[in-house]
C-alpha atoms as a PDB file:
ATOM      1  CA  UNK A   1     -29.543  47.371  -3.037  1.00  0.00           C
ATOM      2  CA  UNK A   2     -31.665  49.476  -5.378  1.00  0.00           C
ATOM      3  CA  UNK A   3     -35.271  48.603  -6.118  1.00  0.00           C
ATOM      4  CA  UNK A   4     -38.510  49.808  -7.630  1.00  0.00           C
ATOM      5  CA  UNK A   5     -41.984  48.408  -8.202  1.00  0.00           C
ATOM      6  CA  UNK A   6     -45.118  49.470 -10.032  1.00  0.00           C
ATOM      7  CA  UNK A   7     -48.499  48.040 -11.030  1.00  0.00           C
ATOM      8  CA  UNK A   8     -50.497  49.085 -14.087  1.00  0.00           C
ATOM      9  CA  UNK A   9     -54.082  48.330 -15.101  1.00  0.00           C
ATOM     10  CA  UNK A  10     -53.091  47.481 -18.681  1.00  0.00           C
ATOM     11  CA  UNK A  11     -55.145  48.261 -21.782  1.00  0.00           C
ATOM     12  CA  UNK A  12     -58.162  45.961 -21.489  1.00  0.00           C
ATOM     13  CA  UNK A  13     -59.068  45.440 -17.812  1.00  0.00           C
ATOM     14  CA  UNK A  14     -61.562  47.631 -15.977  1.00  0.00           C
ATOM     15  CA  UNK A  15     -59.825  47.188 -12.630  1.00  0.00           C
ATOM     16  CA  UNK A  16     -56.494  46.097 -11.194  1.00  0.00           C
ATOM     17  CA  UNK A  17     -56.440  42.796  -9.270  1.00  0.00           C
ATOM     18  CA  UNK A  18     -52.655  42.781  -8.774  1.00  0.00           C
ATOM     19  CA  UNK A  19     -50.920  43.795  -5.546  1.00  0.00           C
ATOM     20  CA  UNK A  20     -47.248  44.153  -4.685  1.00  0.00           C
ATOM     21  CA  UNK A  21     -45.146  45.034  -1.686  1.00  0.00           C
ATOM     22  CA  UNK A  22     -41.563  46.084  -0.997  1.00  0.00           C
ATOM     23  CA  UNK A  23     -40.654  45.882   2.686  1.00  0.00           C
ATOM     24  CA  UNK A  24     -37.351  47.108   4.083  1.00  0.00           C
ATOM     25  CA  UNK A  25     -36.790  44.738   6.981  1.00  0.00           C
ATOM     26  CA  UNK A  26     -33.335  46.163   7.726  1.00  0.00           C
ATOM     27  CA  UNK A  27     -30.308  47.596   5.954  1.00  0.00           C
ATOM     28  CA  UNK A  28     -29.235  44.045   5.105  1.00  0.00           C
ATOM     29  CA  UNK A  29     -32.649  42.514   4.400  1.00  0.00           C
ATOM     30  CA  UNK A  30     -35.567  43.205   2.082  1.00  0.00           C
ATOM     31  CA  UNK A  31     -38.791  41.404   1.206  1.00  0.00           C
ATOM     32  CA  UNK A  32     -40.408  41.693  -2.240  1.00  0.00           C
ATOM     33  CA  UNK A  33     -43.774  40.169  -3.154  1.00  0.00           C
ATOM     34  CA  UNK A  34     -46.284  40.124  -6.027  1.00  0.00           C
ATOM     35  CA  UNK A  35     -49.852  38.763  -5.995  1.00  0.00           C
ATOM     36  CA  UNK A  36     -52.172  38.418  -8.990  1.00  0.00           C
ATOM     37  CA  UNK A  37     -55.782  37.937  -7.912  1.00  0.00           C
ATOM     38  CA  UNK A  38     -58.566  35.971  -9.564  1.00  0.00           C
ATOM     39  CA  UNK A  39     -62.262  35.370  -8.972  1.00  0.00           C
ATOM     40  CA  UNK A  40     -64.085  38.356 -10.429  1.00  0.00           C
ATOM     41  CA  UNK A  41     -63.219  42.009  -9.973  1.00  0.00           C
ATOM     42  CA  UNK A  42     -64.043  42.231  -6.266  1.00  0.00           C
ATOM     43  CA  UNK A  43     -62.771  38.755  -5.420  1.00  0.00           C
ATOM     44  CA  UNK A  44     -59.458  39.023  -7.209  1.00  0.00           C
ATOM     45  CA  UNK A  45     -58.646  42.411  -5.757  1.00  0.00           C
ATOM     46  CA  UNK A  46     -59.581  41.272  -2.248  1.00  0.00           C
ATOM     47  CA  UNK A  47     -57.625  38.016  -2.550  1.00  0.00           C
ATOM     48  CA  UNK A  48     -54.390  39.663  -3.652  1.00  0.00           C
ATOM     49  CA  UNK A  49     -54.674  42.358  -0.972  1.00  0.00           C
ATOM     50  CA  UNK A  50     -55.409  39.882   1.834  1.00  0.00           C
ATOM     51  CA  UNK A  51     -52.667  37.503   0.708  1.00  0.00           C
ATOM     52  CA  UNK A  52     -50.026  40.208   0.546  1.00  0.00           C
ATOM     53  CA  UNK A  53     -51.043  41.609   3.926  1.00  0.00           C
ATOM     54  CA  UNK A  54     -51.092  38.265   5.785  1.00  0.00           C
ATOM     55  CA  UNK A  55     -47.885  37.051   4.138  1.00  0.00           C
ATOM     56  CA  UNK A  56     -45.845  40.173   4.859  1.00  0.00           C
ATOM     57  CA  UNK A  57     -47.173  40.640   8.396  1.00  0.00           C
ATOM     58  CA  UNK A  58     -46.127  37.115   9.378  1.00  0.00           C
ATOM     59  CA  UNK A  59     -42.584  37.682   8.133  1.00  0.00           C
ATOM     60  CA  UNK A  60     -42.272  41.107   9.737  1.00  0.00           C
ATOM     61  CA  UNK A  61     -43.618  39.785  13.050  1.00  0.00           C
ATOM     62  CA  UNK A  62     -40.766  37.275  13.197  1.00  0.00           C
ATOM     63  CA  UNK A  63     -37.915  39.351  11.752  1.00  0.00           C
ATOM     64  CA  UNK A  64     -38.460  42.930  12.922  1.00  0.00           C
ATOM     65  CA  UNK A  65     -37.824  42.122  16.635  1.00  0.00           C
ATOM     66  CA  UNK A  66     -34.433  40.777  15.518  1.00  0.00           C
ATOM     67  CA  UNK A  67     -33.321  44.065  13.950  1.00  0.00           C
ATOM     68  CA  UNK A  68     -30.695  45.857  16.020  1.00  0.00           C
ATOM     69  CA  UNK A  69     -28.943  49.060  15.002  1.00  0.00           C
ATOM     70  CA  UNK A  70     -30.527  48.792  11.578  1.00  0.00           C
ATOM     71  CA  UNK A  71     -29.243  45.278  10.841  1.00  0.00           C
ATOM     72  CA  UNK A  72     -31.119  41.972  10.866  1.00  0.00           C
ATOM     73  CA  UNK A  73     -29.640  39.148  12.922  1.00  0.00           C
ATOM     74  CA  UNK A  74     -31.273  36.072  11.415  1.00  0.00           C
ATOM     75  CA  UNK A  75     -29.172  33.527  13.300  1.00  0.00           C
ATOM     76  CA  UNK A  76     -31.398  30.755  14.589  1.00  0.00           C
ATOM     77  CA  UNK A  77     -34.242  31.556  12.187  1.00  0.00           C
ATOM     78  CA  UNK A  78     -35.076  29.093   9.408  1.00  0.00           C
ATOM     79  CA  UNK A  79     -35.889  31.606   6.688  1.00  0.00           C
ATOM     80  CA  UNK A  80     -37.199  28.983   4.261  1.00  0.00           C
ATOM     81  CA  UNK A  81     -39.592  27.689   6.895  1.00  0.00           C
ATOM     82  CA  UNK A  82     -40.614  31.254   7.687  1.00  0.00           C
ATOM     83  CA  UNK A  83     -41.547  31.867   4.054  1.00  0.00           C
ATOM     84  CA  UNK A  84     -43.505  28.622   3.932  1.00  0.00           C
ATOM     85  CA  UNK A  85     -45.407  29.477   7.109  1.00  0.00           C
ATOM     86  CA  UNK A  86     -46.124  32.984   5.825  1.00  0.00           C
ATOM     87  CA  UNK A  87     -47.568  31.522   2.608  1.00  0.00           C
ATOM     88  CA  UNK A  88     -49.801  29.250   4.714  1.00  0.00           C
ATOM     89  CA  UNK A  89     -50.954  32.326   6.651  1.00  0.00           C
ATOM     90  CA  UNK A  90     -51.827  34.017   3.363  1.00  0.00           C
ATOM     91  CA  UNK A  91     -53.798  30.978   2.267  1.00  0.00           C
ATOM     92  CA  UNK A  92     -55.670  30.840   5.566  1.00  0.00           C
ATOM     93  CA  UNK A  93     -56.578  34.524   5.329  1.00  0.00           C
ATOM     94  CA  UNK A  94     -57.934  34.325   1.780  1.00  0.00           C
ATOM     95  CA  UNK A  95     -59.727  30.992   2.222  1.00  0.00           C
ATOM     96  CA  UNK A  96     -61.253  32.131   5.508  1.00  0.00           C
ATOM     97  CA  UNK A  97     -62.572  35.381   4.061  1.00  0.00           C
ATOM     98  CA  UNK A  98     -64.148  33.536   1.124  1.00  0.00           C
ATOM     99  CA  UNK A  99     -65.951  31.208   3.547  1.00  0.00           C
ATOM    100  CA  UNK A 100     -67.368  34.169   5.474  1.00  0.00           C
ATOM    101  CA  UNK A 101     -68.498  36.073   2.367  1.00  0.00           C
ATOM    102  CA  UNK A 102     -70.383  33.970  -0.200  1.00  0.00           C
ATOM    103  CA  UNK A 103     -69.977  36.630  -2.877  1.00  0.00           C
ATOM    104  CA  UNK A 104     -66.208  35.976  -2.763  1.00  0.00           C
ATOM    105  CA  UNK A 105     -66.472  32.191  -3.048  1.00  0.00           C
ATOM    106  CA  UNK A 106     -63.732  30.811  -5.307  1.00  0.00           C
ATOM    107  CA  UNK A 107     -61.456  33.824  -5.106  1.00  0.00           C
ATOM    108  CA  UNK A 108     -57.727  33.204  -5.071  1.00  0.00           C
ATOM    109  CA  UNK A 109     -54.389  34.706  -5.981  1.00  0.00           C
ATOM    110  CA  UNK A 110     -50.891  33.894  -7.028  1.00  0.00           C
ATOM    111  CA  UNK A 111     -47.987  34.692  -4.730  1.00  0.00           C
ATOM    112  CA  UNK A 112     -44.321  35.073  -5.586  1.00  0.00           C
ATOM    113  CA  UNK A 113     -41.844  36.573  -3.145  1.00  0.00           C
ATOM    114  CA  UNK A 114     -38.135  37.003  -2.501  1.00  0.00           C
ATOM    115  CA  UNK A 115     -36.547  37.440   0.915  1.00  0.00           C
ATOM    116  CA  UNK A 116     -33.043  38.782   0.342  1.00  0.00           C
ATOM    117  CA  UNK A 117     -30.524  39.088   3.186  1.00  0.00           C
ATOM    118  CA  UNK A 118     -26.757  39.363   3.391  1.00  0.00           C
ATOM    119  CA  UNK A 119     -26.699  35.772   4.686  1.00  0.00           C
ATOM    120  CA  UNK A 120     -28.814  34.263   1.909  1.00  0.00           C
ATOM    121  CA  UNK A 121     -31.836  34.712  -0.317  1.00  0.00           C
ATOM    122  CA  UNK A 122     -34.987  32.611  -0.552  1.00  0.00           C
ATOM    123  CA  UNK A 123     -38.049  32.502  -2.799  1.00  0.00           C
ATOM    124  CA  UNK A 124     -41.605  31.284  -2.389  1.00  0.00           C
ATOM    125  CA  UNK A 125     -44.060  30.683  -5.214  1.00  0.00           C
ATOM    126  CA  UNK A 126     -47.692  29.635  -5.655  1.00  0.00           C
ATOM    127  CA  UNK A 127     -49.337  30.065  -9.057  1.00  0.00           C
ATOM    128  CA  UNK A 128     -47.931  31.511 -12.278  1.00  0.00           C
ATOM    129  CA  UNK A 129     -46.493  34.854 -11.284  1.00  0.00           C
ATOM    130  CA  UNK A 130     -42.751  34.614 -11.814  1.00  0.00           C
ATOM    131  CA  UNK A 131     -39.317  35.501 -10.526  1.00  0.00           C
ATOM    132  CA  UNK A 132     -36.310  35.872 -12.808  1.00  0.00           C
ATOM    133  CA  UNK A 133     -32.612  36.433 -12.216  1.00  0.00           C
ATOM    134  CA  UNK A 134     -30.858  38.576 -14.809  1.00  0.00           C
ATOM    135  CA  UNK A 135     -27.070  38.716 -14.717  1.00  0.00           C
ATOM    136  CA  UNK A 136     -24.770  39.744 -17.533  1.00  0.00           C
ATOM    137  CA  UNK A 137     -26.312  38.530 -20.780  1.00  0.00           C
ATOM    138  CA  UNK A 138     -28.466  35.800 -19.239  1.00  0.00           C
ATOM    139  CA  UNK A 139     -32.017  35.607 -17.920  1.00  0.00           C
ATOM    140  CA  UNK A 140     -33.200  32.645 -15.854  1.00  0.00           C
ATOM    141  CA  UNK A 141     -36.702  31.910 -14.625  1.00  0.00           C
ATOM    142  CA  UNK A 142     -36.281  30.816 -10.999  1.00  0.00           C
ATOM    143  CA  UNK A 143     -39.882  29.827 -10.308  1.00  0.00           C
ATOM    144  CA  UNK A 144     -41.919  27.018 -11.848  1.00  0.00           C
ATOM    145  CA  UNK A 145     -45.402  27.935 -13.075  1.00  0.00           C
ATOM    146  CA  UNK A 146     -48.264  26.069 -11.424  1.00  0.00           C
ATOM    147  CA  UNK A 147     -50.320  26.281 -14.610  1.00  0.00           C
ATOM    148  CA  UNK A 148     -52.112  23.800 -16.824  1.00  0.00           C
ATOM    149  CA  UNK A 149     -49.931  24.521 -19.848  1.00  0.00           C
ATOM    150  CA  UNK A 150     -46.755  24.131 -17.779  1.00  0.00           C
ATOM    151  CA  UNK A 151     -48.077  20.772 -16.607  1.00  0.00           C
ATOM    152  CA  UNK A 152     -48.589  19.770 -20.243  1.00  0.00           C
ATOM    153  CA  UNK A 153     -45.024  20.868 -21.012  1.00  0.00           C
ATOM    154  CA  UNK A 154     -43.726  18.896 -18.032  1.00  0.00           C
ATOM    155  CA  UNK A 155     -45.346  15.664 -19.256  1.00  0.00           C
ATOM    156  CA  UNK A 156     -44.312  16.231 -22.863  1.00  0.00           C
ATOM    157  CA  UNK A 157     -47.741  17.047 -24.311  1.00  0.00           C
ATOM    158  CA  UNK A 158     -46.790  20.583 -25.336  1.00  0.00           C
ATOM    159  CA  UNK A 159     -43.574  22.299 -26.329  1.00  0.00           C
ATOM    160  CA  UNK A 160     -42.661  25.564 -24.552  1.00  0.00           C
ATOM    161  CA  UNK A 161     -43.451  27.477 -27.752  1.00  0.00           C
ATOM    162  CA  UNK A 162     -46.854  25.800 -28.057  1.00  0.00           C
ATOM    163  CA  UNK A 163     -47.571  26.634 -24.421  1.00  0.00           C
ATOM    164  CA  UNK A 164     -46.969  30.342 -25.068  1.00  0.00           C
ATOM    165  CA  UNK A 165     -49.774  30.385 -27.641  1.00  0.00           C
ATOM    166  CA  UNK A 166     -52.190  27.981 -25.939  1.00  0.00           C
ATOM    167  CA  UNK A 167     -55.734  29.147 -25.219  1.00  0.00           C
ATOM    168  CA  UNK A 168     -55.370  27.440 -21.817  1.00  0.00           C
ATOM    169  CA  UNK A 169     -52.326  29.412 -20.692  1.00  0.00           C
ATOM    170  CA  UNK A 170     -54.303  31.380 -18.081  1.00  0.00           C
ATOM    171  CA  UNK A 171     -55.504  28.272 -16.205  1.00  0.00           C
ATOM    172  CA  UNK A 172     -53.552  27.827 -12.978  1.00  0.00           C
ATOM    173  CA  UNK A 173     -53.495  24.608 -10.978  1.00  0.00           C
ATOM    174  CA  UNK A 174     -52.406  26.006  -7.628  1.00  0.00           C
ATOM    175  CA  UNK A 175     -53.437  29.289  -6.013  1.00  0.00           C
ATOM    176  CA  UNK A 176     -53.564  30.959  -2.617  1.00  0.00           C
ATOM    177  CA  UNK A 177     -57.004  30.708  -1.023  1.00  0.00           C
ATOM    178  CA  UNK A 178     -58.842  28.342  -3.354  1.00  0.00           C
ATOM    179  CA  UNK A 179     -58.377  25.321  -1.070  1.00  0.00           C
ATOM    180  CA  UNK A 180     -58.007  24.923   2.681  1.00  0.00           C
ATOM    181  CA  UNK A 181     -54.533  23.416   2.313  1.00  0.00           C
ATOM    182  CA  UNK A 182     -51.867  24.599  -0.123  1.00  0.00           C
ATOM    183  CA  UNK A 183     -48.284  23.682  -0.970  1.00  0.00           C
ATOM    184  CA  UNK A 184     -45.775  26.435  -1.642  1.00  0.00           C
ATOM    185  CA  UNK A 185     -42.513  26.041  -3.539  1.00  0.00           C
ATOM    186  CA  UNK A 186     -39.740  27.435  -1.336  1.00  0.00           C
ATOM    187  CA  UNK A 187     -36.193  27.560  -2.691  1.00  0.00           C
ATOM    188  CA  UNK A 188     -32.736  28.856  -1.865  1.00  0.00           C
ATOM    189  CA  UNK A 189     -31.679  31.497  -4.404  1.00  0.00           C
ATOM    190  CA  UNK A 190     -28.092  31.806  -5.596  1.00  0.00           C
ATOM    191  CA  UNK A 191     -26.866  35.412  -5.415  1.00  0.00           C
ATOM    192  CA  UNK A 192     -23.088  35.164  -5.888  1.00  0.00           C
ATOM    193  CA  UNK A 193     -22.644  36.519  -9.404  1.00  0.00           C
ATOM    194  CA  UNK A 194     -20.075  38.908 -10.854  1.00  0.00           C
ATOM    195  CA  UNK A 195     -21.298  42.325 -11.927  1.00  0.00           C
ATOM    196  CA  UNK A 196     -24.819  43.675 -11.646  1.00  0.00           C
ATOM    197  CA  UNK A 197     -27.493  41.138 -10.812  1.00  0.00           C
ATOM    198  CA  UNK A 198     -31.231  41.827 -10.968  1.00  0.00           C
ATOM    199  CA  UNK A 199     -34.161  39.944  -9.498  1.00  0.00           C
ATOM    200  CA  UNK A 200     -37.440  40.529 -11.313  1.00  0.00           C
ATOM    201  CA  UNK A 201     -40.815  39.594  -9.813  1.00  0.00           C
ATOM    202  CA  UNK A 202     -43.870  40.011 -12.021  1.00  0.00           C
ATOM    203  CA  UNK A 203     -47.434  38.990 -12.799  1.00  0.00           C
ATOM    204  CA  UNK A 204     -48.299  37.261 -16.058  1.00  0.00           C
ATOM    205  CA  UNK A 205     -49.485  40.585 -17.405  1.00  0.00           C
ATOM    206  CA  UNK A 206     -45.809  41.135 -18.195  1.00  0.00           C
ATOM    207  CA  UNK A 207     -44.698  37.653 -19.233  1.00  0.00           C
ATOM    208  CA  UNK A 208     -47.790  37.073 -21.360  1.00  0.00           C
ATOM    209  CA  UNK A 209     -46.991  40.178 -23.386  1.00  0.00           C
ATOM    210  CA  UNK A 210     -43.182  40.411 -23.383  1.00  0.00           C
ATOM    211  CA  UNK A 211     -40.867  37.528 -24.281  1.00  0.00           C
ATOM    212  CA  UNK A 212     -37.999  36.622 -21.960  1.00  0.00           C
ATOM    213  CA  UNK A 213     -35.405  37.739 -24.509  1.00  0.00           C
ATOM    214  CA  UNK A 214     -37.062  41.167 -24.724  1.00  0.00           C
ATOM    215  CA  UNK A 215     -37.191  41.427 -20.933  1.00  0.00           C
ATOM    216  CA  UNK A 216     -33.443  40.749 -20.934  1.00  0.00           C
ATOM    217  CA  UNK A 217     -32.834  43.469 -23.520  1.00  0.00           C
ATOM    218  CA  UNK A 218     -34.718  46.040 -21.469  1.00  0.00           C
ATOM    219  CA  UNK A 219     -33.003  45.116 -18.202  1.00  0.00           C
ATOM    220  CA  UNK A 220     -29.621  45.224 -19.972  1.00  0.00           C
ATOM    221  CA  UNK A 221     -30.139  48.806 -21.153  1.00  0.00           C
ATOM    222  CA  UNK A 222     -28.664  51.734 -19.264  1.00  0.00           C
ATOM    223  CA  UNK A 223     -30.803  53.163 -16.500  1.00  0.00           C
ATOM    224  CA  UNK A 224     -31.875  52.657 -12.905  1.00  0.00           C
ATOM    225  CA  UNK A 225     -34.469  50.102 -11.722  1.00  0.00           C
ATOM    226  CA  UNK A 226     -37.301  52.617 -11.968  1.00  0.00           C
ATOM    227  CA  UNK A 227     -36.545  53.337 -15.631  1.00  0.00           C
ATOM    228  CA  UNK A 228     -36.324  49.616 -16.398  1.00  0.00           C
ATOM    229  CA  UNK A 229     -39.620  48.837 -14.652  1.00  0.00           C
ATOM    230  CA  UNK A 230     -41.419  51.615 -16.527  1.00  0.00           C
ATOM    231  CA  UNK A 231     -39.931  50.387 -19.810  1.00  0.00           C
ATOM    232  CA  UNK A 232     -41.146  46.833 -19.138  1.00  0.00           C
ATOM    233  CA  UNK A 233     -44.678  48.054 -18.422  1.00  0.00           C
ATOM    234  CA  UNK A 234     -44.580  50.233 -21.522  1.00  0.00           C
ATOM    235  CA  UNK A 235     -43.524  47.217 -23.602  1.00  0.00           C
ATOM    236  CA  UNK A 236     -46.350  45.064 -22.202  1.00  0.00           C
ATOM    237  CA  UNK A 237     -48.902  47.749 -23.016  1.00  0.00           C
ATOM    238  CA  UNK A 238     -47.427  48.295 -26.478  1.00  0.00           C
ATOM    239  CA  UNK A 239     -47.918  44.584 -27.157  1.00  0.00           C
ATOM    240  CA  UNK A 240     -51.584  44.709 -26.187  1.00  0.00           C
ATOM    241  CA  UNK A 241     -51.734  45.150 -22.398  1.00  0.00           C
ATOM    242  CA  UNK A 242     -54.226  42.300 -22.126  1.00  0.00           C
ATOM    243  CA  UNK A 243     -53.938  41.995 -18.342  1.00  0.00           C
ATOM    244  CA  UNK A 244     -52.875  43.937 -15.272  1.00  0.00           C
ATOM    245  CA  UNK A 245     -49.098  44.358 -15.237  1.00  0.00           C
ATOM    246  CA  UNK A 246     -47.029  44.318 -12.057  1.00  0.00           C
ATOM    247  CA  UNK A 247     -43.242  44.528 -12.044  1.00  0.00           C
ATOM    248  CA  UNK A 248     -40.838  44.655  -9.080  1.00  0.00           C
ATOM    249  CA  UNK A 249     -37.096  44.885  -9.709  1.00  0.00           C
ATOM    250  CA  UNK A 250     -34.213  44.536  -7.251  1.00  0.00           C
ATOM    251  CA  UNK A 251     -30.602  45.299  -8.194  1.00  0.00           C
ATOM    252  CA  UNK A 252     -27.922  43.865  -5.911  1.00  0.00           C
END
């Protein structure tokens, strides 16, 4: 496994409300996560930081004691349930902090994460940050946006192309920390593909600026994950850099 991640303020924002983490659980297991905060400069930054911290700490608390001689033994652990519980911990942390500090009322964050092990891979998603799988000449979005425009697409009120240009595309319908209870999408991720396979996690600062087909072109170019991540961020900024840009890339 080879991986790299980076966050960038973009061209228009005064601060960066995105957070990301790459956690080496063991030689055969890695956790990747991206959070995109909302709720004003202080609130968004605090929400994404708290969410990432609570989410990752819950997973590490369960898995790290099971690492022996550098390898994770996940037998007997429901990894999908673990991801779901960790997302609930993130929600509790953000919602609880907002209740204690009135100036942070309404803050929230997206959360997208991948837990990859040699016995299976699993994703969790809340909000409109995304995860893609790129293999060969194909790119597939593995997460489903919890956004207003995606809802309109789902019910047939908008086409996908119309959604890309909608003035409502930044409205999300589900976020970590905005309500006391939250539902996370947790899925099993297929990893058995021939040749190089990449998993891309990103905030909408990338996907709002760079089309999927252009993301595929950049990932398909020669270079290591670091070069590809930097090229994606460069492309987002070249197209306007309207938001913070966070990109995490795993090659398996």
